Amino acid sequence: TLPWTEQFLAQEFRHVILGHDVRDREAYRAASRRG
C-alpha cells in the first residue's frame, strides 16, 4: 500500500539503486538522488 506509482519505483530502482550500485538499506539512505 505504497503512495507511489510503479513508474516512480521503477525509475528509483533504475536511476538510484542500480545507478549508484546501492547494495543495502544504509547505503540507500545516504545515496545521492540527483536528477
Full PDB file with SEQRES, HELIX, SHEET, SSBOND, CRYST1, ORIGX, SCALE, CONECT and MASTER records, all heavy atoms in Angstrom:
SEQRES   1 A   35  THR LEU PRO TRP THR GLU GLN PHE LEU ALA GLN GLU PHE          
SEQRES   2 A   35  ARG HIS VAL ILE LEU GLY HIS ASP VAL ARG ASP ARG GLU          
SEQRES   3 A   35  ALA TYR ARG ALA ALA SER ARG ARG GLY                          
HELIX    1 AA1 GLU A    6  GLU A   12  1                                   7    
HELIX    2 AA2 PHE A   13  LEU A   18  3                                   6    
HELIX    3 AA3 ARG A   25  ALA A   30  1                                   6    
CRYST1    1.000    1.000    1.000  90.00  90.00  90.00 P 1           1          
ORIGX1      1.000000  0.000000  0.000000        0.00000                         
ORIGX2      0.000000  1.000000  0.000000        0.00000                         
ORIGX3      0.000000  0.000000  1.000000        0.00000                         
SCALE1      1.000000  0.000000  0.000000        0.00000                         
SCALE2      0.000000  1.000000  0.000000        0.00000                         
SCALE3      0.000000  0.000000  1.000000        0.00000                         
ATOM      1  N   THR A   1       0.838  -1.219   0.000  1.00  0.00           N  
ATOM      2  CA  THR A   1       0.000   0.000   0.000  1.00  0.00           C  
ATOM      3  C   THR A   1       0.867   1.261   0.000  1.00  0.00           C  
ATOM      4  O   THR A   1       0.766   2.126   0.879  1.00  0.00           O  
ATOM      5  CB  THR A   1      -0.969   0.014   1.200  1.00  0.00           C  
ATOM      6  OG1 THR A   1      -0.206  -0.031   2.428  1.00  0.00           O  
ATOM      7  CG2 THR A   1      -1.929  -1.156   1.138  1.00  0.00           C  
ATOM      8  N   LEU A   2       1.717   1.356  -1.011  1.00  0.00           N  
ATOM      9  CA  LEU A   2       2.656   2.479  -1.118  1.00  0.00           C  
ATOM     10  C   LEU A   2       1.995   3.681  -1.793  1.00  0.00           C  
ATOM     11  O   LEU A   2       1.096   3.525  -2.626  1.00  0.00           O  
ATOM     12  CB  LEU A   2       3.885   2.057  -1.917  1.00  0.00           C  
ATOM     13  CG  LEU A   2       4.714   0.921  -1.303  1.00  0.00           C  
ATOM     14  CD1 LEU A   2       5.819   0.494  -2.256  1.00  0.00           C  
ATOM     15  CD2 LEU A   2       5.303   1.364   0.035  1.00  0.00           C  
ATOM     16  N   PRO A   3       2.441   4.884  -1.466  1.00  0.00           N  
ATOM     17  CA  PRO A   3       1.846   6.092  -2.060  1.00  0.00           C  
ATOM     18  C   PRO A   3       2.400   6.418  -3.445  1.00  0.00           C  
ATOM     19  O   PRO A   3       1.998   7.422  -4.044  1.00  0.00           O  
ATOM     20  CB  PRO A   3       2.230   7.186  -1.049  1.00  0.00           C  
ATOM     21  CG  PRO A   3       3.535   6.719  -0.478  1.00  0.00           C  
ATOM     22  CD  PRO A   3       3.428   5.213  -0.404  1.00  0.00           C  
ATOM     23  N   TRP A   4       3.339   5.630  -3.950  1.00  0.00           N  
ATOM     24  CA  TRP A   4       3.985   5.940  -5.235  1.00  0.00           C  
ATOM     25  C   TRP A   4       3.458   5.027  -6.344  1.00  0.00           C  
ATOM     26  O   TRP A   4       2.935   3.940  -6.078  1.00  0.00           O  
ATOM     27  CB  TRP A   4       5.509   5.768  -5.115  1.00  0.00           C  
ATOM     28  CG  TRP A   4       6.098   6.598  -4.022  1.00  0.00           C  
ATOM     29  CD1 TRP A   4       6.216   7.957  -3.984  1.00  0.00           C  
ATOM     30  CD2 TRP A   4       6.641   6.126  -2.786  1.00  0.00           C  
ATOM     31  NE1 TRP A   4       6.806   8.365  -2.817  1.00  0.00           N  
ATOM     32  CE2 TRP A   4       7.077   7.256  -2.053  1.00  0.00           C  
ATOM     33  CE3 TRP A   4       6.801   4.860  -2.207  1.00  0.00           C  
ATOM     34  CZ2 TRP A   4       7.670   7.154  -0.796  1.00  0.00           C  
ATOM     35  CZ3 TRP A   4       7.384   4.749  -0.967  1.00  0.00           C  
ATOM     36  CH2 TRP A   4       7.814   5.890  -0.268  1.00  0.00           C  
ATOM     37  N   THR A   5       3.645   5.459  -7.573  1.00  0.00           N  
ATOM     38  CA  THR A   5       3.246   4.642  -8.721  1.00  0.00           C  
ATOM     39  C   THR A   5       4.351   3.638  -9.040  1.00  0.00           C  
ATOM     40  O   THR A   5       5.500   3.787  -8.614  1.00  0.00           O  
ATOM     41  CB  THR A   5       3.021   5.514  -9.962  1.00  0.00           C  
ATOM     42  OG1 THR A   5       4.266   6.119 -10.334  1.00  0.00           O  
ATOM     43  CG2 THR A   5       1.987   6.602  -9.692  1.00  0.00           C  
ATOM     44  N   GLU A   6       3.995   2.593  -9.793  1.00  0.00           N  
ATOM     45  CA  GLU A   6       5.007   1.625 -10.219  1.00  0.00           C  
ATOM     46  C   GLU A   6       6.059   2.288 -11.110  1.00  0.00           C  
ATOM     47  O   GLU A   6       7.220   1.888 -11.121  1.00  0.00           O  
ATOM     48  CB  GLU A   6       4.359   0.448 -10.953  1.00  0.00           C  
ATOM     49  CG  GLU A   6       3.745   0.757 -12.303  1.00  0.00           C  
ATOM     50  CD  GLU A   6       2.303   1.206 -12.198  1.00  0.00           C  
ATOM     51  OE1 GLU A   6       1.827   1.455 -11.058  1.00  0.00           O  
ATOM     52  OE2 GLU A   6       1.656   1.303 -13.254  1.00  0.00           O  
ATOM     53  N   GLN A   7       5.656   3.339 -11.855  1.00  0.00           N  
ATOM     54  CA  GLN A   7       6.600   4.050 -12.710  1.00  0.00           C  
ATOM     55  C   GLN A   7       7.667   4.743 -11.861  1.00  0.00           C  
ATOM     56  O   GLN A   7       8.865   4.682 -12.169  1.00  0.00           O  
ATOM     57  CB  GLN A   7       5.858   5.079 -13.571  1.00  0.00           C  
ATOM     58  CG  GLN A   7       6.741   5.781 -14.595  1.00  0.00           C  
ATOM     59  CD  GLN A   7       5.934   6.759 -15.434  1.00  0.00           C  
ATOM     60  OE1 GLN A   7       4.933   7.318 -14.977  1.00  0.00           O  
ATOM     61  NE2 GLN A   7       6.350   6.951 -16.669  1.00  0.00           N  
ATOM     62  N   PHE A   8       7.232   5.365 -10.759  1.00  0.00           N  
ATOM     63  CA  PHE A   8       8.173   6.046  -9.871  1.00  0.00           C  
ATOM     64  C   PHE A   8       9.160   5.044  -9.274  1.00  0.00           C  
ATOM     65  O   PHE A   8      10.372   5.295  -9.232  1.00  0.00           O  
ATOM     66  CB  PHE A   8       7.407   6.760  -8.754  1.00  0.00           C  
ATOM     67  CG  PHE A   8       8.302   7.363  -7.704  1.00  0.00           C  
ATOM     68  CD1 PHE A   8       8.829   8.638  -7.860  1.00  0.00           C  
ATOM     69  CD2 PHE A   8       8.632   6.653  -6.546  1.00  0.00           C  
ATOM     70  CE1 PHE A   8       9.666   9.185  -6.899  1.00  0.00           C  
ATOM     71  CE2 PHE A   8       9.471   7.193  -5.577  1.00  0.00           C  
ATOM     72  CZ  PHE A   8       9.984   8.466  -5.757  1.00  0.00           C  
ATOM     73  N   LEU A   9       8.666   3.904  -8.807  1.00  0.00           N  
ATOM     74  CA  LEU A   9       9.545   2.917  -8.179  1.00  0.00           C  
ATOM     75  C   LEU A   9      10.521   2.307  -9.192  1.00  0.00           C  
ATOM     76  O   LEU A   9      11.697   2.084  -8.874  1.00  0.00           O  
ATOM     77  CB  LEU A   9       8.712   1.814  -7.537  1.00  0.00           C  
ATOM     78  CG  LEU A   9       7.921   2.222  -6.286  1.00  0.00           C  
ATOM     79  CD1 LEU A   9       7.018   1.080  -5.840  1.00  0.00           C  
ATOM     80  CD2 LEU A   9       8.860   2.627  -5.153  1.00  0.00           C  
ATOM     81  N   ALA A  10      10.042   2.056 -10.413  1.00  0.00           N  
ATOM     82  CA  ALA A  10      10.925   1.512 -11.439  1.00  0.00           C  
ATOM     83  C   ALA A  10      12.059   2.485 -11.744  1.00  0.00           C  
ATOM     84  O   ALA A  10      13.221   2.088 -11.915  1.00  0.00           O  
ATOM     85  CB  ALA A  10      10.127   1.200 -12.706  1.00  0.00           C  
ATOM     86  N   GLN A  11      11.731   3.767 -11.795  1.00  0.00           N  
ATOM     87  CA  GLN A  11      12.758   4.772 -12.072  1.00  0.00           C  
ATOM     88  C   GLN A  11      13.717   4.936 -10.887  1.00  0.00           C  
ATOM     89  O   GLN A  11      14.921   5.129 -11.071  1.00  0.00           O  
ATOM     90  CB  GLN A  11      12.097   6.110 -12.409  1.00  0.00           C  
ATOM     91  CG  GLN A  11      11.395   6.095 -13.756  1.00  0.00           C  
ATOM     92  CD  GLN A  11      10.509   7.301 -13.958  1.00  0.00           C  
ATOM     93  OE1 GLN A  11      10.200   8.035 -13.014  1.00  0.00           O  
ATOM     94  NE2 GLN A  11      10.063   7.498 -15.190  1.00  0.00           N  
ATOM     95  N   GLU A  12      13.196   4.852  -9.664  1.00  0.00           N  
ATOM     96  CA  GLU A  12      14.059   4.938  -8.483  1.00  0.00           C  
ATOM     97  C   GLU A  12      15.039   3.756  -8.460  1.00  0.00           C  
ATOM     98  O   GLU A  12      16.224   3.916  -8.145  1.00  0.00           O  
ATOM     99  CB  GLU A  12      13.200   4.940  -7.213  1.00  0.00           C  
ATOM    100  CG  GLU A  12      13.979   5.206  -5.929  1.00  0.00           C  
ATOM    101  CD  GLU A  12      14.358   6.674  -5.741  1.00  0.00           C  
ATOM    102  OE1 GLU A  12      13.951   7.523  -6.577  1.00  0.00           O  
ATOM    103  OE2 GLU A  12      15.072   6.981  -4.759  1.00  0.00           O  
ATOM    104  N   PHE A  13      14.544   2.591  -8.813  1.00  0.00           N  
ATOM    105  CA  PHE A  13      15.389   1.397  -8.861  1.00  0.00           C  
ATOM    106  C   PHE A  13      16.463   1.551  -9.942  1.00  0.00           C  
ATOM    107  O   PHE A  13      17.638   1.234  -9.718  1.00  0.00           O  
ATOM    108  CB  PHE A  13      14.518   0.175  -9.138  1.00  0.00           C  
ATOM    109  CG  PHE A  13      15.255  -1.135  -9.098  1.00  0.00           C  
ATOM    110  CD1 PHE A  13      15.875  -1.581  -7.936  1.00  0.00           C  
ATOM    111  CD2 PHE A  13      15.342  -1.934 -10.229  1.00  0.00           C  
ATOM    112  CE1 PHE A  13      16.558  -2.792  -7.899  1.00  0.00           C  
ATOM    113  CE2 PHE A  13      16.014  -3.156 -10.202  1.00  0.00           C  
ATOM    114  CZ  PHE A  13      16.629  -3.580  -9.033  1.00  0.00           C  
ATOM    115  N   ARG A  14      16.064   2.067 -11.091  1.00  0.00           N  
ATOM    116  CA  ARG A  14      16.978   2.211 -12.222  1.00  0.00           C  
ATOM    117  C   ARG A  14      18.028   3.295 -11.974  1.00  0.00           C  
ATOM    118  O   ARG A  14      19.227   3.070 -12.142  1.00  0.00           O  
ATOM    119  CB  ARG A  14      16.176   2.549 -13.494  1.00  0.00           C  
ATOM    120  CG  ARG A  14      17.031   2.849 -14.718  1.00  0.00           C  
ATOM    121  CD  ARG A  14      16.157   3.301 -15.890  1.00  0.00           C  
ATOM    122  NE  ARG A  14      16.972   3.678 -17.027  1.00  0.00           N  
ATOM    123  CZ  ARG A  14      17.371   2.847 -17.987  1.00  0.00           C  
ATOM    124  NH1 ARG A  14      17.019   1.574 -17.930  1.00  0.00           N  
ATOM    125  NH2 ARG A  14      18.107   3.277 -18.989  1.00  0.00           N  
ATOM    126  N   HIS A  15      17.574   4.486 -11.570  1.00  0.00           N  
ATOM    127  CA  HIS A  15      18.470   5.639 -11.508  1.00  0.00           C  
ATOM    128  C   HIS A  15      19.274   5.727 -10.214  1.00  0.00           C  
ATOM    129  O   HIS A  15      20.405   6.213 -10.226  1.00  0.00           O  
ATOM    130  CB  HIS A  15      17.672   6.942 -11.685  1.00  0.00           C  
ATOM    131  CG  HIS A  15      17.012   7.062 -13.016  1.00  0.00           C  
ATOM    132  ND1 HIS A  15      17.672   6.832 -14.200  1.00  0.00           N  
ATOM    133  CD2 HIS A  15      15.731   7.371 -13.357  1.00  0.00           C  
ATOM    134  CE1 HIS A  15      16.838   7.014 -15.215  1.00  0.00           C  
ATOM    135  NE2 HIS A  15      15.657   7.327 -14.723  1.00  0.00           N  
ATOM    136  N   VAL A  16      18.700   5.264  -9.122  1.00  0.00           N  
ATOM    137  CA  VAL A  16      19.379   5.414  -7.831  1.00  0.00           C  
ATOM    138  C   VAL A  16      19.994   4.092  -7.360  1.00  0.00           C  
ATOM    139  O   VAL A  16      21.203   4.005  -7.133  1.00  0.00           O  
ATOM    140  CB  VAL A  16      18.413   5.973  -6.761  1.00  0.00           C  
ATOM    141  CG1 VAL A  16      19.156   6.174  -5.438  1.00  0.00           C  
ATOM    142  CG2 VAL A  16      17.813   7.302  -7.232  1.00  0.00           C  
ATOM    143  N   ILE A  17      19.180   3.061  -7.227  1.00  0.00           N  
ATOM    144  CA  ILE A  17      19.669   1.779  -6.689  1.00  0.00           C  
ATOM    145  C   ILE A  17      20.733   1.173  -7.616  1.00  0.00           C  
ATOM    146  O   ILE A  17      21.877   0.939  -7.206  1.00  0.00           O  
ATOM    147  CB  ILE A  17      18.508   0.775  -6.498  1.00  0.00           C  
ATOM    148  CG1 ILE A  17      17.364   1.400  -5.689  1.00  0.00           C  
ATOM    149  CG2 ILE A  17      19.038  -0.504  -5.842  1.00  0.00           C  
ATOM    150  CD1 ILE A  17      17.704   1.799  -4.293  1.00  0.00           C  
ATOM    151  N   LEU A  18      20.335   0.928  -8.866  1.00  0.00           N  
ATOM    152  CA  LEU A  18      21.291   0.342  -9.811  1.00  0.00           C  
ATOM    153  C   LEU A  18      22.278   1.384 -10.328  1.00  0.00           C  
ATOM    154  O   LEU A  18      23.443   1.070 -10.589  1.00  0.00           O  
ATOM    155  CB  LEU A  18      20.542  -0.292 -10.986  1.00  0.00           C  
ATOM    156  CG  LEU A  18      19.683  -1.518 -10.654  1.00  0.00           C  
ATOM    157  CD1 LEU A  18      18.895  -1.972 -11.880  1.00  0.00           C  
ATOM    158  CD2 LEU A  18      20.555  -2.659 -10.138  1.00  0.00           C  
ATOM    159  N   GLY A  19      21.812   2.624 -10.484  1.00  0.00           N  
ATOM    160  CA  GLY A  19      22.686   3.676 -10.997  1.00  0.00           C  
ATOM    161  C   GLY A  19      23.880   3.936 -10.100  1.00  0.00           C  
ATOM    162  O   GLY A  19      24.996   4.181 -10.581  1.00  0.00           O  
ATOM    163  N   HIS A  20      23.668   3.877  -8.791  1.00  0.00           N  
ATOM    164  CA  HIS A  20      24.755   4.132  -7.832  1.00  0.00           C  
ATOM    165  C   HIS A  20      25.267   2.848  -7.186  1.00  0.00           C  
ATOM    166  O   HIS A  20      26.027   2.916  -6.213  1.00  0.00           O  
ATOM    167  CB  HIS A  20      24.279   5.119  -6.760  1.00  0.00           C  
ATOM    168  CG  HIS A  20      23.987   6.499  -7.294  1.00  0.00           C  
ATOM    169  ND1 HIS A  20      24.977   7.416  -7.559  1.00  0.00           N  
ATOM    170  CD2 HIS A  20      22.815   7.086  -7.630  1.00  0.00           C  
ATOM    171  CE1 HIS A  20      24.427   8.533  -8.032  1.00  0.00           C  
ATOM    172  NE2 HIS A  20      23.119   8.362  -8.087  1.00  0.00           N  
ATOM    173  N   ASP A  21      24.826   1.719  -7.698  1.00  0.00           N  
ATOM    174  CA  ASP A  21      25.280   0.413  -7.204  1.00  0.00           C  
ATOM    175  C   ASP A  21      25.023   0.283  -5.697  1.00  0.00           C  
ATOM    176  O   ASP A  21      25.890  -0.143  -4.920  1.00  0.00           O  
ATOM    177  CB  ASP A  21      26.774   0.220  -7.514  1.00  0.00           C  
ATOM    178  CG  ASP A  21      27.195  -1.240  -7.421  1.00  0.00           C  
ATOM    179  OD1 ASP A  21      26.318  -2.116  -7.550  1.00  0.00           O  
ATOM    180  OD2 ASP A  21      28.393  -1.505  -7.203  1.00  0.00           O  
ATOM    181  N   VAL A  22      23.812   0.640  -5.289  1.00  0.00           N  
ATOM    182  CA  VAL A  22      23.427   0.585  -3.878  1.00  0.00           C  
ATOM    183  C   VAL A  22      23.136  -0.868  -3.496  1.00  0.00           C  
ATOM    184  O   VAL A  22      22.337  -1.536  -4.161  1.00  0.00           O  
ATOM    185  CB  VAL A  22      22.192   1.471  -3.624  1.00  0.00           C  
ATOM    186  CG1 VAL A  22      21.688   1.292  -2.204  1.00  0.00           C  
ATOM    187  CG2 VAL A  22      22.532   2.939  -3.896  1.00  0.00           C  
ATOM    188  N   ARG A  23      23.760  -1.322  -2.391  1.00  0.00           N  
ATOM    189  CA  ARG A  23      23.630  -2.741  -2.032  1.00  0.00           C  
ATOM    190  C   ARG A  23      22.809  -2.993  -0.765  1.00  0.00           C  
ATOM    191  O   ARG A  23      22.392  -4.123  -0.531  1.00  0.00           O  
ATOM    192  CB  ARG A  23      25.024  -3.358  -1.838  1.00  0.00           C  
ATOM    193  CG  ARG A  23      25.982  -3.201  -3.018  1.00  0.00           C  
ATOM    194  CD  ARG A  23      25.561  -4.040  -4.199  1.00  0.00           C  
ATOM    195  NE  ARG A  23      26.466  -3.917  -5.331  1.00  0.00           N  
ATOM    196  CZ  ARG A  23      27.387  -4.809  -5.665  1.00  0.00           C  
ATOM    197  NH1 ARG A  23      27.545  -5.905  -4.953  1.00  0.00           N  
ATOM    198  NH2 ARG A  23      28.149  -4.618  -6.728  1.00  0.00           N  
ATOM    199  N   ASP A  24      22.601  -1.968   0.081  1.00  0.00           N  
ATOM    200  CA  ASP A  24      21.852  -2.213   1.323  1.00  0.00           C  
ATOM    201  C   ASP A  24      21.094  -0.960   1.735  1.00  0.00           C  
ATOM    202  O   ASP A  24      21.231   0.108   1.153  1.00  0.00           O  
ATOM    203  CB  ASP A  24      22.790  -2.675   2.448  1.00  0.00           C  
ATOM    204  CG  ASP A  24      23.942  -1.720   2.689  1.00  0.00           C  
ATOM    205  OD1 ASP A  24      23.700  -0.487   2.805  1.00  0.00           O  
ATOM    206  OD2 ASP A  24      25.107  -2.174   2.746  1.00  0.00           O  
ATOM    207  N   ARG A  25      20.285  -1.121   2.785  1.00  0.00           N  
ATOM    208  CA  ARG A  25      19.424  -0.043   3.251  1.00  0.00           C  
ATOM    209  C   ARG A  25      20.218   1.198   3.666  1.00  0.00           C  
ATOM    210  O   ARG A  25      19.854   2.329   3.341  1.00  0.00           O  
ATOM    211  CB  ARG A  25      18.561  -0.535   4.420  1.00  0.00           C  
ATOM    212  CG  ARG A  25      17.499   0.467   4.888  1.00  0.00           C  
ATOM    213  CD  ARG A  25      16.840  -0.026   6.169  1.00  0.00           C  
ATOM    214  NE  ARG A  25      16.192  -1.322   5.968  1.00  0.00           N  
ATOM    215  CZ  ARG A  25      14.898  -1.474   5.681  1.00  0.00           C  
ATOM    216  NH1 ARG A  25      14.119  -0.414   5.576  1.00  0.00           N  
ATOM    217  NH2 ARG A  25      14.383  -2.681   5.528  1.00  0.00           N  
ATOM    218  N   GLU A  26      21.308   0.996   4.400  1.00  0.00           N  
ATOM    219  CA  GLU A  26      22.099   2.135   4.869  1.00  0.00           C  
ATOM    220  C   GLU A  26      22.689   2.908   3.698  1.00  0.00           C  
ATOM    221  O   GLU A  26      22.735   4.146   3.702  1.00  0.00           O  
ATOM    222  CB  GLU A  26      23.210   1.654   5.811  1.00  0.00           C  
ATOM    223  CG  GLU A  26      22.713   1.108   7.141  1.00  0.00           C  
ATOM    224  CD  GLU A  26      21.853   2.126   7.880  1.00  0.00           C  
ATOM    225  OE1 GLU A  26      22.256   3.323   7.935  1.00  0.00           O  
ATOM    226  OE2 GLU A  26      20.791   1.738   8.385  1.00  0.00           O  
ATOM    227  N   ALA A  27      23.168   2.190   2.694  1.00  0.00           N  
ATOM    228  CA  ALA A  27      23.729   2.862   1.525  1.00  0.00           C  
ATOM    229  C   ALA A  27      22.647   3.649   0.791  1.00  0.00           C  
ATOM    230  O   ALA A  27      22.890   4.745   0.271  1.00  0.00           O  
ATOM    231  CB  ALA A  27      24.368   1.842   0.590  1.00  0.00           C  
ATOM    232  N   TYR A  28      21.437   3.125   0.752  1.00  0.00           N  
ATOM    233  CA  TYR A  28      20.354   3.835   0.082  1.00  0.00           C  
ATOM    234  C   TYR A  28      19.972   5.097   0.847  1.00  0.00           C  
ATOM    235  O   TYR A  28      19.662   6.131   0.235  1.00  0.00           O  
ATOM    236  CB  TYR A  28      19.143   2.921  -0.081  1.00  0.00           C  
ATOM    237  CG  TYR A  28      17.963   3.603  -0.735  1.00  0.00           C  
ATOM    238  CD1 TYR A  28      18.093   4.208  -1.984  1.00  0.00           C  
ATOM    239  CD2 TYR A  28      16.726   3.663  -0.103  1.00  0.00           C  
ATOM    240  CE1 TYR A  28      17.018   4.855  -2.582  1.00  0.00           C  
ATOM    241  CE2 TYR A  28      15.642   4.297  -0.689  1.00  0.00           C  
ATOM    242  CZ  TYR A  28      15.800   4.899  -1.931  1.00  0.00           C  
ATOM    243  OH  TYR A  28      14.743   5.545  -2.522  1.00  0.00           O  
ATOM    244  N   ARG A  29      19.988   5.021   2.172  1.00  0.00           N  
ATOM    245  CA  ARG A  29      19.681   6.218   2.967  1.00  0.00           C  
ATOM    246  C   ARG A  29      20.638   7.367   2.654  1.00  0.00           C  
ATOM    247  O   ARG A  29      20.263   8.540   2.692  1.00  0.00           O  
ATOM    248  CB  ARG A  29      19.749   5.893   4.460  1.00  0.00           C  
ATOM    249  CG  ARG A  29      18.560   5.109   4.996  1.00  0.00           C  
ATOM    250  CD  ARG A  29      18.778   4.768   6.450  1.00  0.00           C  
ATOM    251  NE  ARG A  29      17.613   4.109   7.052  1.00  0.00           N  
ATOM    252  CZ  ARG A  29      17.607   3.590   8.269  1.00  0.00           C  
ATOM    253  NH1 ARG A  29      18.710   3.629   9.020  1.00  0.00           N  
ATOM    254  NH2 ARG A  29      16.518   3.022   8.736  1.00  0.00           N  
ATOM    255  N   ALA A  30      21.900   7.011   2.336  1.00  0.00           N  
ATOM    256  CA  ALA A  30      22.925   8.033   2.086  1.00  0.00           C  
ATOM    257  C   ALA A  30      23.097   8.356   0.606  1.00  0.00           C  
ATOM    258  O   ALA A  30      23.847   9.266   0.252  1.00  0.00           O  
ATOM    259  CB  ALA A  30      24.262   7.562   2.663  1.00  0.00           C  
ATOM    260  N   ALA A  31      22.418   7.637  -0.258  1.00  0.00           N  
ATOM    261  CA  ALA A  31      22.660   7.767  -1.701  1.00  0.00           C  
ATOM    262  C   ALA A  31      22.177   9.103  -2.247  1.00  0.00           C  
ATOM    263  O   ALA A  31      21.155   9.647  -1.819  1.00  0.00           O  
ATOM    264  CB  ALA A  31      21.960   6.630  -2.438  1.00  0.00           C  
ATOM    265  N   SER A  32      22.919   9.625  -3.213  1.00  0.00           N  
ATOM    266  CA  SER A  32      22.502  10.838  -3.924  1.00  0.00           C  
ATOM    267  C   SER A  32      21.332  10.509  -4.837  1.00  0.00           C  
ATOM    268  O   SER A  32      21.320   9.468  -5.495  1.00  0.00           O  
ATOM    269  CB  SER A  32      23.662  11.379  -4.752  1.00  0.00           C  
ATOM    270  OG  SER A  32      23.210  12.370  -5.662  1.00  0.00           O  
ATOM    271  N   ARG A  33      20.364  11.399  -4.857  1.00  0.00           N  
ATOM    272  CA  ARG A  33      19.219  11.229  -5.750  1.00  0.00           C  
ATOM    273  C   ARG A  33      19.189  12.366  -6.771  1.00  0.00           C  
ATOM    274  O   ARG A  33      18.140  12.847  -7.173  1.00  0.00           O  
ATOM    275  CB  ARG A  33      17.920  11.161  -4.960  1.00  0.00           C  
ATOM    276  CG  ARG A  33      17.833   9.959  -4.014  1.00  0.00           C  
ATOM    277  CD  ARG A  33      16.508   9.904  -3.271  1.00  0.00           C  
ATOM    278  NE  ARG A  33      15.386   9.605  -4.145  1.00  0.00           N  
ATOM    279  CZ  ARG A  33      14.472  10.489  -4.523  1.00  0.00           C  
ATOM    280  NH1 ARG A  33      14.563  11.766  -4.112  1.00  0.00           N  
ATOM    281  NH2 ARG A  33      13.486  10.148  -5.314  1.00  0.00           N  
ATOM    282  N   ARG A  34      20.373  12.780  -7.210  1.00  0.00           N  
ATOM    283  CA  ARG A  34      20.487  13.861  -8.197  1.00  0.00           C  
ATOM    284  C   ARG A  34      19.657  13.524  -9.441  1.00  0.00           C  
ATOM    285  O   ARG A  34      19.739  12.424  -9.976  1.00  0.00           O  
ATOM    286  CB  ARG A  34      21.948  14.052  -8.595  1.00  0.00           C  
ATOM    287  CG  ARG A  34      22.175  15.065  -9.722  1.00  0.00           C  
ATOM    288  CD  ARG A  34      23.656  15.194 -10.023  1.00  0.00           C  
ATOM    289  NE  ARG A  34      23.880  16.021 -11.193  1.00  0.00           N  
ATOM    290  CZ  ARG A  34      24.054  15.546 -12.422  1.00  0.00           C  
ATOM    291  NH1 ARG A  34      24.021  14.238 -12.635  1.00  0.00           N  
ATOM    292  NH2 ARG A  34      24.266  16.357 -13.430  1.00  0.00           N  
ATOM    293  N   GLY A  35      18.843  14.497  -9.876  1.00  0.00           N  
ATOM    294  CA  GLY A  35      18.004  14.284 -11.046  1.00  0.00           C  
ATOM    295  C   GLY A  35      16.609  13.803 -10.721  1.00  0.00           C  
ATOM    296  O   GLY A  35      15.752  13.750 -11.607  1.00  0.00           O  
TER     297      GLY A  35                                                      
MASTER        0    0    0    3    0    0    0    6  296    1    0    3          
END                                                                             
